[in-house]
Amino acid sequence: MLPRMAAGADITLPRYMTDVWHAPLPAVLAFAGVVIAVLGALVPARRAARLSVAEVLRNE
């Protein structure tokens, strides 16, 4: 969006202002987000898997 706004104002922006994300960085951040989400869900899921059906129904 920034390059379009600069073009509308007839100015030229330097590359360091428009090229802020390089290709590998968003991929690494997305992978790290998935890893954090899986690790965060693992503890409650393991705890729930250890419960018996009777314990679950009694707590409902």
Protein backbone atom coordinates (compact mmCIF):
# COMPACT_ATOMS: atom_id res chain seq x y z
CA MET A 1 0.00 0.00 0.00
CA LEU A 2 2.87 2.35 0.74
CA PRO A 3 4.26 2.28 -2.84
CA ARG A 4 0.80 3.11 -4.21
CA MET A 5 0.44 6.05 -1.84
CA ALA A 6 3.90 7.30 -2.78
CA ALA A 7 3.03 7.03 -6.46
CA GLY A 8 -0.18 8.98 -5.86
CA ALA A 9 1.82 11.74 -4.19
CA ASP A 10 4.45 11.63 -6.97
CA ILE A 11 7.34 10.86 -4.63
CA THR A 12 9.94 8.11 -4.71
CA LEU A 13 10.61 6.19 -1.53
CA PRO A 14 13.96 4.55 -0.78
CA ARG A 15 14.07 0.76 -0.85
CA TYR A 16 14.70 0.45 2.89
CA MET A 17 11.23 1.92 3.48
CA THR A 18 9.39 -0.44 1.14
CA ASP A 19 11.34 -3.71 1.42
CA VAL A 20 10.86 -4.49 5.10
CA TRP A 21 9.95 -8.21 4.86
CA HIS A 22 12.32 -10.61 3.16
CA ALA A 23 10.98 -13.95 1.93
CA PRO A 24 12.44 -16.32 4.58
CA LEU A 25 11.38 -14.25 7.59
CA PRO A 26 7.58 -14.62 7.25
CA ALA A 27 8.02 -18.36 6.65
CA VAL A 28 10.12 -18.72 9.81
CA LEU A 29 7.64 -16.66 11.82
CA ALA A 30 4.70 -18.74 10.57
CA PHE A 31 6.52 -21.96 11.43
CA ALA A 32 7.39 -20.63 14.89
CA GLY A 33 3.74 -19.70 15.43
CA VAL A 34 2.60 -23.21 14.56
CA VAL A 35 5.21 -24.75 16.87
CA ILE A 36 4.17 -22.49 19.75
CA ALA A 37 0.48 -23.29 19.19
CA VAL A 38 1.13 -27.04 19.12
CA LEU A 39 3.24 -26.93 22.27
CA GLY A 40 0.62 -24.79 24.01
CA ALA A 41 -2.15 -27.26 23.14
CA LEU A 42 -0.13 -30.35 23.99
CA VAL A 43 -0.27 -30.05 27.79
CA PRO A 44 -4.07 -29.68 28.11
CA ALA A 45 -4.65 -32.36 25.48
CA ARG A 46 -2.44 -34.87 27.27
CA ARG A 47 -4.14 -34.09 30.57
CA ALA A 48 -7.59 -34.56 29.00
CA ALA A 49 -6.54 -37.81 27.34
CA ARG A 50 -5.57 -39.31 30.70
CA LEU A 51 -9.06 -38.82 32.16
CA SER A 52 -11.45 -41.71 32.17
CA VAL A 53 -14.93 -41.38 30.73
CA ALA A 54 -16.46 -41.61 34.21
CA GLU A 55 -14.34 -38.68 35.47
CA VAL A 56 -15.30 -36.56 32.50
CA LEU A 57 -19.02 -37.29 32.92
CA ARG A 58 -18.88 -36.68 36.65
CA ASN A 59 -17.33 -33.23 36.09
CA GLU A 60 -19.91 -32.20 33.51
